[in-house]
Amino acid sequence: MRSRYCAYTEHNGLYLLATWHQRTRPTTLNLLDDSHTEWLGLKVCGVEAGGTNDVAGTVEFIAHYKCNETTEVIHETSRFVKEEGRWYYVDGTLSKPTKNSPCPCGSGKKFKRCCSKTGN
């Protein structure tokens, strides 16, 4: 998971595609198309399975990025599978906070007063 985040920060599409399971791999990566995207941080919230003897696992994470002067948050639970000793990203489920829920960035503010505002 962390290596894939680093690949996003470095706009390394070849690595991202190589670590994406062939069954769900896209042909292009939209977030890499925009050179104005600045990745600001990754927080791993939880991990299920994914150990040495496992063949599948999930990672819940929150990633922050800025695009065109707007701070954005991705909160996702990602599924991975291990094949021939290598882990591959399969897909993920996005979590969207409500306006009155705590902001996933951990600021302690409500989402509507923090990362949902444009121009952060």
PDB file of N, CA and C in Angstrom:
ATOM      1  N   MET A   1       0.829  -1.193   0.000  1.00  0.00           N
ATOM      2  CA  MET A   1       0.000   0.000   0.000  1.00  0.00           C
ATOM      3  C   MET A   1       0.866   1.247   0.000  1.00  0.00           C
ATOM      4  N   ARG A   2       1.834   1.282   0.887  1.00  0.00           N
ATOM      5  CA  ARG A   2       2.691   2.470   0.964  1.00  0.00           C
ATOM      6  C   ARG A   2       3.502   2.661  -0.321  1.00  0.00           C
ATOM      7  N   SER A   3       3.933   1.565  -0.916  1.00  0.00           N
ATOM      8  CA  SER A   3       4.710   1.693  -2.159  1.00  0.00           C
ATOM      9  C   SER A   3       3.844   2.268  -3.278  1.00  0.00           C
ATOM     10  N   ARG A   4       2.564   1.907  -3.297  1.00  0.00           N
ATOM     11  CA  ARG A   4       1.664   2.451  -4.317  1.00  0.00           C
ATOM     12  C   ARG A   4       1.429   3.941  -4.075  1.00  0.00           C
ATOM     13  N   TYR A   5       1.287   4.349  -2.803  1.00  0.00           N
ATOM     14  CA  TYR A   5       1.128   5.766  -2.499  1.00  0.00           C
ATOM     15  C   TYR A   5       2.367   6.536  -2.979  1.00  0.00           C
ATOM     16  N   CYS A   6       3.552   6.000  -2.692  1.00  0.00           N
ATOM     17  CA  CYS A   6       4.787   6.653  -3.139  1.00  0.00           C
ATOM     18  C   CYS A   6       4.815   6.762  -4.659  1.00  0.00           C
ATOM     19  N   ALA A   7       4.335   5.745  -5.340  1.00  0.00           N
ATOM     20  CA  ALA A   7       4.290   5.793  -6.808  1.00  0.00           C
ATOM     21  C   ALA A   7       3.371   6.916  -7.282  1.00  0.00           C
ATOM     22  N   TYR A   8       2.250   7.138  -6.584  1.00  0.00           N
ATOM     23  CA  TYR A   8       1.384   8.266  -6.943  1.00  0.00           C
ATOM     24  C   TYR A   8       2.130   9.581  -6.747  1.00  0.00           C
ATOM     25  N   THR A   9       2.854   9.727  -5.627  1.00  0.00           N
ATOM     26  CA  THR A   9       3.560  10.986  -5.371  1.00  0.00           C
ATOM     27  C   THR A   9       4.625  11.251  -6.416  1.00  0.00           C
ATOM     28  N   GLU A  10       5.202  10.185  -6.978  1.00  0.00           N
ATOM     29  CA  GLU A  10       6.259  10.324  -7.976  1.00  0.00           C
ATOM     30  C   GLU A  10       5.727  10.241  -9.413  1.00  0.00           C
ATOM     31  N   HIS A  11       4.391  10.160  -9.550  1.00  0.00           N
ATOM     32  CA  HIS A  11       3.745  10.038 -10.864  1.00  0.00           C
ATOM     33  C   HIS A  11       4.314   8.844 -11.640  1.00  0.00           C
ATOM     34  N   ASN A  12       4.521   7.740 -10.918  1.00  0.00           N
ATOM     35  CA  ASN A  12       5.110   6.537 -11.502  1.00  0.00           C
ATOM     36  C   ASN A  12       4.010   5.573 -11.944  1.00  0.00           C
ATOM     37  N   GLY A  13       3.425   5.861 -13.072  1.00  0.00           N
ATOM     38  CA  GLY A  13       2.327   5.058 -13.586  1.00  0.00           C
ATOM     39  C   GLY A  13       2.717   3.633 -13.924  1.00  0.00           C
ATOM     40  N   LEU A  14       3.950   3.414 -14.361  1.00  0.00           N
ATOM     41  CA  LEU A  14       4.389   2.058 -14.692  1.00  0.00           C
ATOM     42  C   LEU A  14       4.328   1.150 -13.467  1.00  0.00           C
ATOM     43  N   TYR A  15       4.787   1.664 -12.320  1.00  0.00           N
ATOM     44  CA  TYR A  15       4.741   0.861 -11.098  1.00  0.00           C
ATOM     45  C   TYR A  15       3.297   0.597 -10.674  1.00  0.00           C
ATOM     46  N   LEU A  16       2.463   1.630 -10.731  1.00  0.00           N
ATOM     47  CA  LEU A  16       1.059   1.465 -10.337  1.00  0.00           C
ATOM     48  C   LEU A  16       0.369   0.413 -11.190  1.00  0.00           C
ATOM     49  N   LEU A  17       0.575   0.469 -12.482  1.00  0.00           N
ATOM     50  CA  LEU A  17      -0.044  -0.518 -13.362  1.00  0.00           C
ATOM     51  C   LEU A  17       0.523  -1.918 -13.128  1.00  0.00           C
ATOM     52  N   ALA A  18       1.818  -2.013 -12.825  1.00  0.00           N
ATOM     53  CA  ALA A  18       2.444  -3.315 -12.579  1.00  0.00           C
ATOM     54  C   ALA A  18       1.951  -3.957 -11.294  1.00  0.00           C
ATOM     55  N   THR A  19       1.492  -3.137 -10.330  1.00  0.00           N
ATOM     56  CA  THR A  19       1.018  -3.672  -9.046  1.00  0.00           C
ATOM     57  C   THR A  19      -0.508  -3.719  -8.976  1.00  0.00           C
ATOM     58  N   TRP A  20      -1.160  -3.477 -10.093  1.00  0.00           N
ATOM     59  CA  TRP A  20      -2.620  -3.519 -10.187  1.00  0.00           C
ATOM     60  C   TRP A  20      -3.005  -4.857 -10.788  1.00  0.00           C
ATOM     61  N   HIS A  21      -3.946  -5.549 -10.190  1.00  0.00           N
ATOM     62  CA  HIS A  21      -4.330  -6.868 -10.685  1.00  0.00           C
ATOM     63  C   HIS A  21      -4.852  -6.757 -12.115  1.00  0.00           C
ATOM     64  N   GLN A  22      -4.426  -7.682 -12.958  1.00  0.00           N
ATOM     65  CA  GLN A  22      -4.790  -7.626 -14.380  1.00  0.00           C
ATOM     66  C   GLN A  22      -6.289  -7.631 -14.623  1.00  0.00           C
ATOM     67  N   ARG A  23      -7.042  -8.220 -13.716  1.00  0.00           N
ATOM     68  CA  ARG A  23      -8.494  -8.321 -13.871  1.00  0.00           C
ATOM     69  C   ARG A  23      -9.191  -6.962 -13.726  1.00  0.00           C
ATOM     70  N   THR A  24      -8.590  -6.025 -12.967  1.00  0.00           N
ATOM     71  CA  THR A  24      -9.234  -4.727 -12.721  1.00  0.00           C
ATOM     72  C   THR A  24      -8.369  -3.545 -13.144  1.00  0.00           C
ATOM     73  N   ARG A  25      -7.247  -3.793 -13.771  1.00  0.00           N
ATOM     74  CA  ARG A  25      -6.302  -2.742 -14.144  1.00  0.00           C
ATOM     75  C   ARG A  25      -6.910  -1.814 -15.200  1.00  0.00           C
ATOM     76  N   PRO A  26      -6.854  -0.490 -14.951  1.00  0.00           N
ATOM     77  CA  PRO A  26      -7.343   0.463 -15.963  1.00  0.00           C
ATOM     78  C   PRO A  26      -6.322   0.652 -17.072  1.00  0.00           C
ATOM     79  N   THR A  27      -6.748   1.280 -18.144  1.00  0.00           N
ATOM     80  CA  THR A  27      -5.815   1.559 -19.237  1.00  0.00           C
ATOM     81  C   THR A  27      -5.074   2.872 -19.010  1.00  0.00           C
ATOM     82  N   THR A  28      -5.684   3.812 -18.254  1.00  0.00           N
ATOM     83  CA  THR A  28      -5.028   5.078 -17.919  1.00  0.00           C
ATOM     84  C   THR A  28      -5.271   5.383 -16.450  1.00  0.00           C
ATOM     85  N   LEU A  29      -4.461   6.276 -15.914  1.00  0.00           N
ATOM     86  CA  LEU A  29      -4.587   6.699 -14.512  1.00  0.00           C
ATOM     87  C   LEU A  29      -4.840   8.197 -14.479  1.00  0.00           C
ATOM     88  N   ASN A  30      -6.091   8.591 -14.226  1.00  0.00           N
ATOM     89  CA  ASN A  30      -6.479  10.003 -14.284  1.00  0.00           C
ATOM     90  C   ASN A  30      -5.722  10.889 -13.310  1.00  0.00           C
ATOM     91  N   LEU A  31      -5.470  10.416 -12.086  1.00  0.00           N
ATOM     92  CA  LEU A  31      -4.790  11.263 -11.112  1.00  0.00           C
ATOM     93  C   LEU A  31      -3.349  11.553 -11.523  1.00  0.00           C
ATOM     94  N   LEU A  32      -2.783  10.744 -12.372  1.00  0.00           N
ATOM     95  CA  LEU A  32      -1.419  10.998 -12.840  1.00  0.00           C
ATOM     96  C   LEU A  32      -1.389  11.924 -14.038  1.00  0.00           C
ATOM     97  N   ASP A  33      -2.525  12.093 -14.689  1.00  0.00           N
ATOM     98  CA  ASP A  33      -2.588  12.952 -15.865  1.00  0.00           C
ATOM     99  C   ASP A  33      -2.437  14.427 -15.502  1.00  0.00           C
ATOM    100  N   ASP A  34      -2.761  14.768 -14.270  1.00  0.00           N
ATOM    101  CA  ASP A  34      -2.740  16.161 -13.843  1.00  0.00           C
ATOM    102  C   ASP A  34      -1.436  16.462 -13.106  1.00  0.00           C
ATOM    103  N   SER A  35      -0.564  17.218 -13.730  1.00  0.00           N
ATOM    104  CA  SER A  35       0.718  17.542 -13.097  1.00  0.00           C
ATOM    105  C   SER A  35       0.547  18.512 -11.933  1.00  0.00           C
ATOM    106  N   HIS A  36      -0.666  19.007 -11.726  1.00  0.00           N
ATOM    107  CA  HIS A  36      -0.924  19.934 -10.628  1.00  0.00           C
ATOM    108  C   HIS A  36      -1.304  19.217  -9.335  1.00  0.00           C
ATOM    109  N   THR A  37      -1.299  17.887  -9.343  1.00  0.00           N
ATOM    110  CA  THR A  37      -1.645  17.124  -8.150  1.00  0.00           C
ATOM    111  C   THR A  37      -0.423  17.004  -7.255  1.00  0.00           C
ATOM    112  N   GLU A  38      -0.589  17.437  -5.996  1.00  0.00           N
ATOM    113  CA  GLU A  38       0.470  17.332  -4.998  1.00  0.00           C
ATOM    114  C   GLU A  38      -0.042  16.447  -3.861  1.00  0.00           C
ATOM    115  N   TRP A  39       0.594  15.322  -3.652  1.00  0.00           N
ATOM    116  CA  TRP A  39       0.190  14.396  -2.590  1.00  0.00           C
ATOM    117  C   TRP A  39       0.752  14.876  -1.272  1.00  0.00           C
ATOM    118  N   LEU A  40      -0.109  14.946  -0.248  1.00  0.00           N
ATOM    119  CA  LEU A  40       0.250  15.578   1.018  1.00  0.00           C
ATOM    120  C   LEU A  40       0.460  14.617   2.177  1.00  0.00           C
ATOM    121  N   GLY A  41      -0.073  13.409   2.097  1.00  0.00           N
ATOM    122  CA  GLY A  41       0.134  12.482   3.209  1.00  0.00           C
ATOM    123  C   GLY A  41      -0.751  11.269   3.134  1.00  0.00           C
ATOM    124  N   LEU A  42      -0.315  10.215   3.814  1.00  0.00           N
ATOM    125  CA  LEU A  42      -1.025   8.943   3.866  1.00  0.00           C
ATOM    126  C   LEU A  42      -1.131   8.498   5.313  1.00  0.00           C
ATOM    127  N   LYS A  43      -2.324   8.072   5.700  1.00  0.00           N
ATOM    128  CA  LYS A  43      -2.540   7.494   7.024  1.00  0.00           C
ATOM    129  C   LYS A  43      -3.213   6.141   6.822  1.00  0.00           C
ATOM    130  N   VAL A  44      -2.559   5.079   7.268  1.00  0.00           N
ATOM    131  CA  VAL A  44      -3.154   3.746   7.224  1.00  0.00           C
ATOM    132  C   VAL A  44      -3.980   3.588   8.494  1.00  0.00           C
ATOM    133  N   CYS A  45      -5.287   3.382   8.320  1.00  0.00           N
ATOM    134  CA  CYS A  45      -6.217   3.300   9.452  1.00  0.00           C
ATOM    135  C   CYS A  45      -6.386   1.876   9.968  1.00  0.00           C
ATOM    136  N   GLY A  46      -6.247   0.911   9.088  1.00  0.00           N
ATOM    137  CA  GLY A  46      -6.430  -0.471   9.504  1.00  0.00           C
ATOM    138  C   GLY A  46      -6.015  -1.443   8.424  1.00  0.00           C
ATOM    139  N   VAL A  47      -5.628  -2.639   8.864  1.00  0.00           N
ATOM    140  CA  VAL A  47      -5.204  -3.699   7.955  1.00  0.00           C
ATOM    141  C   VAL A  47      -5.881  -4.978   8.413  1.00  0.00           C
ATOM    142  N   GLU A  48      -6.422  -5.728   7.461  1.00  0.00           N
ATOM    143  CA  GLU A  48      -7.013  -7.026   7.738  1.00  0.00           C
ATOM    144  C   GLU A  48      -6.309  -8.052   6.884  1.00  0.00           C
ATOM    145  N   ALA A  49      -5.770  -9.079   7.516  1.00  0.00           N
ATOM    146  CA  ALA A  49      -5.016 -10.125   6.833  1.00  0.00           C
ATOM    147  C   ALA A  49      -3.845  -9.481   6.092  1.00  0.00           C
ATOM    148  N   GLY A  50      -3.399 -10.087   5.001  1.00  0.00           N
ATOM    149  CA  GLY A  50      -2.290  -9.529   4.243  1.00  0.00           C
ATOM    150  C   GLY A  50      -0.922  -9.914   4.773  1.00  0.00           C
ATOM    151  N   GLY A  51      -0.881 -10.900   5.656  1.00  0.00           N
ATOM    152  CA  GLY A  51       0.395 -11.348   6.193  1.00  0.00           C
ATOM    153  C   GLY A  51       1.109 -12.306   5.257  1.00  0.00           C
ATOM    154  N   THR A  52       2.217 -12.805   5.718  1.00  0.00           N
ATOM    155  CA  THR A  52       3.065 -13.688   4.918  1.00  0.00           C
ATOM    156  C   THR A  52       2.322 -14.907   4.389  1.00  0.00           C
ATOM    157  N   ASN A  53       1.467 -15.503   5.206  1.00  0.00           N
ATOM    158  CA  ASN A  53       0.764 -16.722   4.804  1.00  0.00           C
ATOM    159  C   ASN A  53      -0.607 -16.474   4.195  1.00  0.00           C
ATOM    160  N   ASP A  54      -1.002 -15.224   4.036  1.00  0.00           N
ATOM    161  CA  ASP A  54      -2.318 -14.891   3.488  1.00  0.00           C
ATOM    162  C   ASP A  54      -2.247 -14.754   1.967  1.00  0.00           C
ATOM    163  N   VAL A  55      -3.400 -14.931   1.329  1.00  0.00           N
ATOM    164  CA  VAL A  55      -3.493 -14.732  -0.125  1.00  0.00           C
ATOM    165  C   VAL A  55      -4.366 -13.529  -0.470  1.00  0.00           C
ATOM    166  N   ALA A  56      -4.927 -12.894   0.546  1.00  0.00           N
ATOM    167  CA  ALA A  56      -5.760 -11.704   0.345  1.00  0.00           C
ATOM    168  C   ALA A  56      -5.669 -10.832   1.592  1.00  0.00           C
ATOM    169  N   GLY A  57      -5.987  -9.560   1.417  1.00  0.00           N
ATOM    170  CA  GLY A  57      -5.984  -8.645   2.542  1.00  0.00           C
ATOM    171  C   GLY A  57      -6.641  -7.339   2.164  1.00  0.00           C
ATOM    172  N   THR A  58      -6.953  -6.550   3.182  1.00  0.00           N
ATOM    173  CA  THR A  58      -7.526  -5.226   2.954  1.00  0.00           C
ATOM    174  C   THR A  58      -6.733  -4.189   3.742  1.00  0.00           C
ATOM    175  N   VAL A  59      -6.707  -2.980   3.211  1.00  0.00           N
ATOM    176  CA  VAL A  59      -6.062  -1.854   3.874  1.00  0.00           C
ATOM    177  C   VAL A  59      -7.023  -0.671   3.806  1.00  0.00           C
ATOM    178  N   GLU A  60      -7.338  -0.119   4.962  1.00  0.00           N
ATOM    179  CA  GLU A  60      -8.130   1.114   5.011  1.00  0.00           C
ATOM    180  C   GLU A  60      -7.147   2.267   5.174  1.00  0.00           C
ATOM    181  N   PHE A  61      -7.287   3.292   4.337  1.00  0.00           N
ATOM    182  CA  PHE A  61      -6.356   4.410   4.393  1.00  0.00           C
ATOM    183  C   PHE A  61      -7.068   5.726   4.114  1.00  0.00           C
ATOM    184  N   ILE A  62      -6.396   6.800   4.499  1.00  0.00           N
ATOM    185  CA  ILE A  62      -6.806   8.161   4.161  1.00  0.00           C
ATOM    186  C   ILE A  62      -5.606   8.832   3.519  1.00  0.00           C
ATOM    187  N   ALA A  63      -5.796   9.348   2.324  1.00  0.00           N
ATOM    188  CA  ALA A  63      -4.730  10.067   1.612  1.00  0.00           C
ATOM    189  C   ALA A  63      -5.208  11.479   1.314  1.00  0.00           C
ATOM    190  N   HIS A  64      -4.313  12.423   1.456  1.00  0.00           N
ATOM    191  CA  HIS A  64      -4.612  13.832   1.188  1.00  0.00           C
ATOM    192  C   HIS A  64      -3.808  14.287  -0.018  1.00  0.00           C
ATOM    193  N   TYR A  65      -4.456  15.062  -0.850  1.00  0.00           N
ATOM    194  CA  TYR A  65      -3.741  15.644  -1.982  1.00  0.00           C
ATOM    195  C   TYR A  65      -4.345  16.995  -2.300  1.00  0.00           C
ATOM    196  N   LYS A  66      -3.566  17.799  -3.000  1.00  0.00           N
ATOM    197  CA  LYS A  66      -4.010  19.127  -3.415  1.00  0.00           C
ATOM    198  C   LYS A  66      -3.971  19.157  -4.927  1.00  0.00           C
ATOM    199  N   CYS A  67      -5.056  19.646  -5.510  1.00  0.00           N
ATOM    200  CA  CYS A  67      -5.143  19.775  -6.955  1.00  0.00           C
ATOM    201  C   CYS A  67      -5.777  21.130  -7.263  1.00  0.00           C
ATOM    202  N   ASN A  68      -5.074  21.945  -8.023  1.00  0.00           N
ATOM    203  CA  ASN A  68      -5.577  23.282  -8.373  1.00  0.00           C
ATOM    204  C   ASN A  68      -5.998  24.068  -7.136  1.00  0.00           C
ATOM    205  N   GLU A  69      -5.146  24.066  -6.128  1.00  0.00           N
ATOM    206  CA  GLU A  69      -5.341  24.834  -4.892  1.00  0.00           C
ATOM    207  C   GLU A  69      -6.494  24.339  -4.022  1.00  0.00           C
ATOM    208  N   THR A  70      -7.037  23.171  -4.305  1.00  0.00           N
ATOM    209  CA  THR A  70      -8.104  22.590  -3.494  1.00  0.00           C
ATOM    210  C   THR A  70      -7.579  21.321  -2.837  1.00  0.00           C
ATOM    211  N   THR A  71      -7.709  21.228  -1.514  1.00  0.00           N
ATOM    212  CA  THR A  71      -7.287  20.028  -0.795  1.00  0.00           C
ATOM    213  C   THR A  71      -8.397  18.996  -0.868  1.00  0.00           C
ATOM    214  N   GLU A  72      -8.027  17.781  -1.210  1.00  0.00           N
ATOM    215  CA  GLU A  72      -8.970  16.674  -1.340  1.00  0.00           C
ATOM    216  C   GLU A  72      -8.551  15.540  -0.413  1.00  0.00           C
ATOM    217  N   VAL A  73      -9.512  14.683  -0.081  1.00  0.00           N
ATOM    218  CA  VAL A  73      -9.269  13.540   0.789  1.00  0.00           C
ATOM    219  C   VAL A  73      -9.818  12.294   0.115  1.00  0.00           C
ATOM    220  N   ILE A  74      -9.011  11.239   0.091  1.00  0.00           N
ATOM    221  CA  ILE A  74      -9.483   9.930  -0.349  1.00  0.00           C
ATOM    222  C   ILE A  74      -9.475   9.033   0.882  1.00  0.00           C
ATOM    223  N   HIS A  75     -10.631   8.485   1.222  1.00  0.00           N
ATOM    224  CA  HIS A  75     -10.759   7.524   2.319  1.00  0.00           C
ATOM    225  C   HIS A  75     -11.261   6.243   1.683  1.00  0.00           C
ATOM    226  N   GLU A  76     -10.403   5.225   1.648  1.00  0.00           N
ATOM    227  CA  GLU A  76     -10.718   4.020   0.895  1.00  0.00           C
ATOM    228  C   GLU A  76     -10.337   2.775   1.683  1.00  0.00           C
ATOM    229  N   THR A  77     -11.095   1.714   1.466  1.00  0.00           N
ATOM    230  CA  THR A  77     -10.710   0.386   1.911  1.00  0.00           C
ATOM    231  C   THR A  77     -10.360  -0.393   0.655  1.00  0.00           C
ATOM    232  N   SER A  78      -9.089  -0.747   0.535  1.00  0.00           N
ATOM    233  CA  SER A  78      -8.569  -1.392  -0.671  1.00  0.00           C
ATOM    234  C   SER A  78      -8.433  -2.894  -0.463  1.00  0.00           C
ATOM    235  N   ARG A  79      -8.722  -3.644  -1.526  1.00  0.00           N
ATOM    236  CA  ARG A  79      -8.539  -5.096  -1.502  1.00  0.00           C
ATOM    237  C   ARG A  79      -7.301  -5.461  -2.304  1.00  0.00           C
ATOM    238  N   PHE A  80      -6.513  -6.376  -1.747  1.00  0.00           N
ATOM    239  CA  PHE A  80      -5.305  -6.867  -2.390  1.00  0.00           C
ATOM    240  C   PHE A  80      -5.340  -8.392  -2.433  1.00  0.00           C
ATOM    241  N   VAL A  81      -4.701  -8.966  -3.435  1.00  0.00           N
ATOM    242  CA  VAL A  81      -4.519 -10.416  -3.516  1.00  0.00           C
ATOM    243  C   VAL A  81      -3.037 -10.694  -3.772  1.00  0.00           C
ATOM    244  N   LYS A  82      -2.592 -11.846  -3.278  1.00  0.00           N
ATOM    245  CA  LYS A  82      -1.209 -12.255  -3.506  1.00  0.00           C
ATOM    246  C   LYS A  82      -1.189 -13.418  -4.482  1.00  0.00           C
ATOM    247  N   GLU A  83      -0.422 -13.254  -5.550  1.00  0.00           N
ATOM    248  CA  GLU A  83      -0.266 -14.294  -6.559  1.00  0.00           C
ATOM    249  C   GLU A  83       1.218 -14.462  -6.855  1.00  0.00           C
ATOM    250  N   GLU A  84       1.673 -15.691  -6.796  1.00  0.00           N
ATOM    251  CA  GLU A  84       3.080 -16.009  -7.050  1.00  0.00           C
ATOM    252  C   GLU A  84       4.018 -15.135  -6.226  1.00  0.00           C
ATOM    253  N   GLY A  85       3.632 -14.921  -4.959  1.00  0.00           N
ATOM    254  CA  GLY A  85       4.474 -14.185  -4.029  1.00  0.00           C
ATOM    255  C   GLY A  85       4.421 -12.676  -4.121  1.00  0.00           C
ATOM    256  N   ARG A  86       3.594 -12.118  -5.018  1.00  0.00           N
ATOM    257  CA  ARG A  86       3.496 -10.659  -5.172  1.00  0.00           C
ATOM    258  C   ARG A  86       2.090 -10.185  -4.845  1.00  0.00           C
ATOM    259  N   TRP A  87       1.995  -9.023  -4.201  1.00  0.00           N
ATOM    260  CA  TRP A  87       0.704  -8.429  -3.862  1.00  0.00           C
ATOM    261  C   TRP A  87       0.245  -7.527  -4.993  1.00  0.00           C
ATOM    262  N   TYR A  88      -1.060  -7.603  -5.300  1.00  0.00           N
ATOM    263  CA  TYR A  88      -1.664  -6.783  -6.346  1.00  0.00           C
ATOM    264  C   TYR A  88      -2.913  -6.091  -5.802  1.00  0.00           C
ATOM    265  N   TYR A  89      -3.052  -4.827  -6.143  1.00  0.00           N
ATOM    266  CA  TYR A  89      -4.267  -4.071  -5.819  1.00  0.00           C
ATOM    267  C   TYR A  89      -5.393  -4.570  -6.713  1.00  0.00           C
ATOM    268  N   VAL A  90      -6.557  -4.878  -6.113  1.00  0.00           N
ATOM    269  CA  VAL A  90      -7.707  -5.345  -6.892  1.00  0.00           C
ATOM    270  C   VAL A  90      -8.694  -4.209  -7.097  1.00  0.00           C
ATOM    271  N   ASP A  91      -9.208  -3.663  -5.999  1.00  0.00           N
ATOM    272  CA  ASP A  91     -10.161  -2.559  -6.072  1.00  0.00           C
ATOM    273  C   ASP A  91     -10.329  -1.965  -4.684  1.00  0.00           C
ATOM    274  N   GLY A  92     -11.154  -0.940  -4.607  1.00  0.00           N
ATOM    275  CA  GLY A  92     -11.373  -0.287  -3.323  1.00  0.00           C
ATOM    276  C   GLY A  92     -12.763   0.282  -3.217  1.00  0.00           C
ATOM    277  N   THR A  93     -13.190   0.463  -1.980  1.00  0.00           N
ATOM    278  CA  THR A  93     -14.475   1.071  -1.677  1.00  0.00           C
ATOM    279  C   THR A  93     -14.215   2.411  -1.005  1.00  0.00           C
ATOM    280  N   LEU A  94     -14.711   3.480  -1.628  1.00  0.00           N
ATOM    281  CA  LEU A  94     -14.535   4.818  -1.068  1.00  0.00           C
ATOM    282  C   LEU A  94     -15.538   5.074   0.044  1.00  0.00           C
ATOM    283  N   SER A  95     -15.088   5.759   1.078  1.00  0.00           N
ATOM    284  CA  SER A  95     -15.958   6.208   2.165  1.00  0.00           C
ATOM    285  C   SER A  95     -16.060   7.718   2.062  1.00  0.00           C
ATOM    286  N   LYS A  96     -17.264   8.212   2.016  1.00  0.00           N
ATOM    287  CA  LYS A  96     -17.474   9.655   1.950  1.00  0.00           C
ATOM    288  C   LYS A  96     -18.055  10.128   3.279  1.00  0.00           C
ATOM    289  N   PRO A  97     -17.366  11.049   3.957  1.00  0.00           N
ATOM    290  CA  PRO A  97     -17.918  11.576   5.202  1.00  0.00           C
ATOM    291  C   PRO A  97     -19.094  12.504   4.916  1.00  0.00           C
ATOM    292  N   THR A  98     -19.998  12.582   5.872  1.00  0.00           N
ATOM    293  CA  THR A  98     -21.092  13.546   5.759  1.00  0.00           C
ATOM    294  C   THR A  98     -20.580  14.899   6.235  1.00  0.00           C
ATOM    295  N   LYS A  99     -21.299  15.948   5.929  1.00  0.00           N
ATOM    296  CA  LYS A  99     -20.872  17.301   6.293  1.00  0.00           C
ATOM    297  C   LYS A  99     -20.650  17.465   7.792  1.00  0.00           C
ATOM    298  N   ASN A 100     -21.466  16.781   8.623  1.00  0.00           N
ATOM    299  CA  ASN A 100     -21.371  16.950  10.069  1.00  0.00           C
ATOM    300  C   ASN A 100     -20.518  15.897  10.767  1.00  0.00           C
ATOM    301  N   SER A 101     -19.912  14.984  10.010  1.00  0.00           N
ATOM    302  CA  SER A 101     -19.055  13.975  10.632  1.00  0.00           C
ATOM    303  C   SER A 101     -17.663  14.553  10.862  1.00  0.00           C
ATOM    304  N   PRO A 102     -16.893  13.929  11.762  1.00  0.00           N
ATOM    305  CA  PRO A 102     -15.517  14.405  11.962  1.00  0.00           C
ATOM    306  C   PRO A 102     -14.725  14.277  10.665  1.00  0.00           C
ATOM    307  N   CYS A 103     -13.848  15.220  10.424  1.00  0.00           N
ATOM    308  CA  CYS A 103     -13.060  15.199   9.198  1.00  0.00           C
ATOM    309  C   CYS A 103     -12.076  14.034   9.246  1.00  0.00           C
ATOM    310  N   PRO A 104     -11.973  13.271   8.149  1.00  0.00           N
ATOM    311  CA  PRO A 104     -11.045  12.144   8.136  1.00  0.00           C
ATOM    312  C   PRO A 104      -9.578  12.543   8.224  1.00  0.00           C
ATOM    313  N   CYS A 105      -9.272  13.827   8.080  1.00  0.00           N
ATOM    314  CA  CYS A 105      -7.876  14.253   8.170  1.00  0.00           C
ATOM    315  C   CYS A 105      -7.369  14.259   9.605  1.00  0.00           C
ATOM    316  N   GLY A 106      -8.284  14.123  10.570  1.00  0.00           N
ATOM    317  CA  GLY A 106      -7.869  14.068  11.968  1.00  0.00           C
ATOM    318  C   GLY A 106      -7.713  15.424  12.629  1.00  0.00           C
ATOM    319  N   SER A 107      -8.205  16.474  11.997  1.00  0.00           N
ATOM    320  CA  SER A 107      -8.055  17.827  12.552  1.00  0.00           C
ATOM    321  C   SER A 107      -8.900  18.059  13.801  1.00  0.00           C
ATOM    322  N   GLY A 108      -9.943  17.232  13.994  1.00  0.00           N
ATOM    323  CA  GLY A 108     -10.870  17.444  15.095  1.00  0.00           C
ATOM    324  C   GLY A 108     -12.038  18.332  14.716  1.00  0.00           C
ATOM    325  N   LYS A 109     -11.995  18.908  13.515  1.00  0.00           N
ATOM    326  CA  LYS A 109     -13.084  19.749  13.033  1.00  0.00           C
ATOM    327  C   LYS A 109     -14.122  18.887  12.327  1.00  0.00           C
ATOM    328  N   LYS A 110     -15.310  19.448  12.146  1.00  0.00           N
ATOM    329  CA  LYS A 110     -16.309  18.781  11.323  1.00  0.00           C
ATOM    330  C   LYS A 110     -15.853  18.861   9.868  1.00  0.00           C
ATOM    331  N   PHE A 111     -16.231  17.844   9.097  1.00  0.00           N
ATOM    332  CA  PHE A 111     -15.839  17.762   7.697  1.00  0.00           C
ATOM    333  C   PHE A 111     -16.219  19.034   6.937  1.00  0.00           C
ATOM    334  N   LYS A 112     -17.413  19.589   7.205  1.00  0.00           N
ATOM    335  CA  LYS A 112     -17.870  20.775   6.465  1.00  0.00           C
ATOM    336  C   LYS A 112     -17.008  22.007   6.743  1.00  0.00           C
ATOM    337  N   ARG A 113     -16.312  22.034   7.868  1.00  0.00           N
ATOM    338  CA  ARG A 113     -15.477  23.176   8.220  1.00  0.00           C
ATOM    339  C   ARG A 113     -13.996  22.922   7.937  1.00  0.00           C
ATOM    340  N   CYS A 114     -13.711  21.785   7.334  1.00  0.00           N
ATOM    341  CA  CYS A 114     -12.307  21.428   7.105  1.00  0.00           C
ATOM    342  C   CYS A 114     -12.100  21.055   5.637  1.00  0.00           C
ATOM    343  N   CYS A 115     -11.927  19.791   5.359  1.00  0.00           N
ATOM    344  CA  CYS A 115     -11.519  19.344   4.017  1.00  0.00           C
ATOM    345  C   CYS A 115     -12.614  19.431   2.959  1.00  0.00           C
ATOM    346  N   SER A 116     -13.881  19.649   3.339  1.00  0.00           N
ATOM    347  CA  SER A 116     -14.907  19.788   2.307  1.00  0.00           C
ATOM    348  C   SER A 116     -14.913  21.192   1.713  1.00  0.00           C
ATOM    349  N   LYS A 117     -14.249  22.122   2.384  1.00  0.00           N
ATOM    350  CA  LYS A 117     -14.186  23.493   1.876  1.00  0.00           C
ATOM    351  C   LYS A 117     -13.209  23.572   0.725  1.00  0.00           C
ATOM    352  N   THR A 118     -13.532  24.337  -0.276  1.00  0.00           N
ATOM    353  CA  THR A 118     -12.601  24.515  -1.399  1.00  0.00           C
ATOM    354  C   THR A 118     -11.545  25.536  -1.021  1.00  0.00           C
ATOM    355  N   GLY A 119     -10.414  25.399  -1.664  1.00  0.00           N
ATOM    356  CA  GLY A 119      -9.348  26.369  -1.438  1.00  0.00           C
ATOM    357  C   GLY A 119      -8.524  26.099  -0.204  1.00  0.00           C
ATOM    358  N   ASN A 120      -8.639  24.899   0.429  1.00  0.00           N
ATOM    359  CA  ASN A 120      -7.837  24.582   1.611  1.00  0.00           C
ATOM    360  C   ASN A 120      -6.411  24.328   1.248  1.00  0.00           C
TER     361      ASN A 120
END
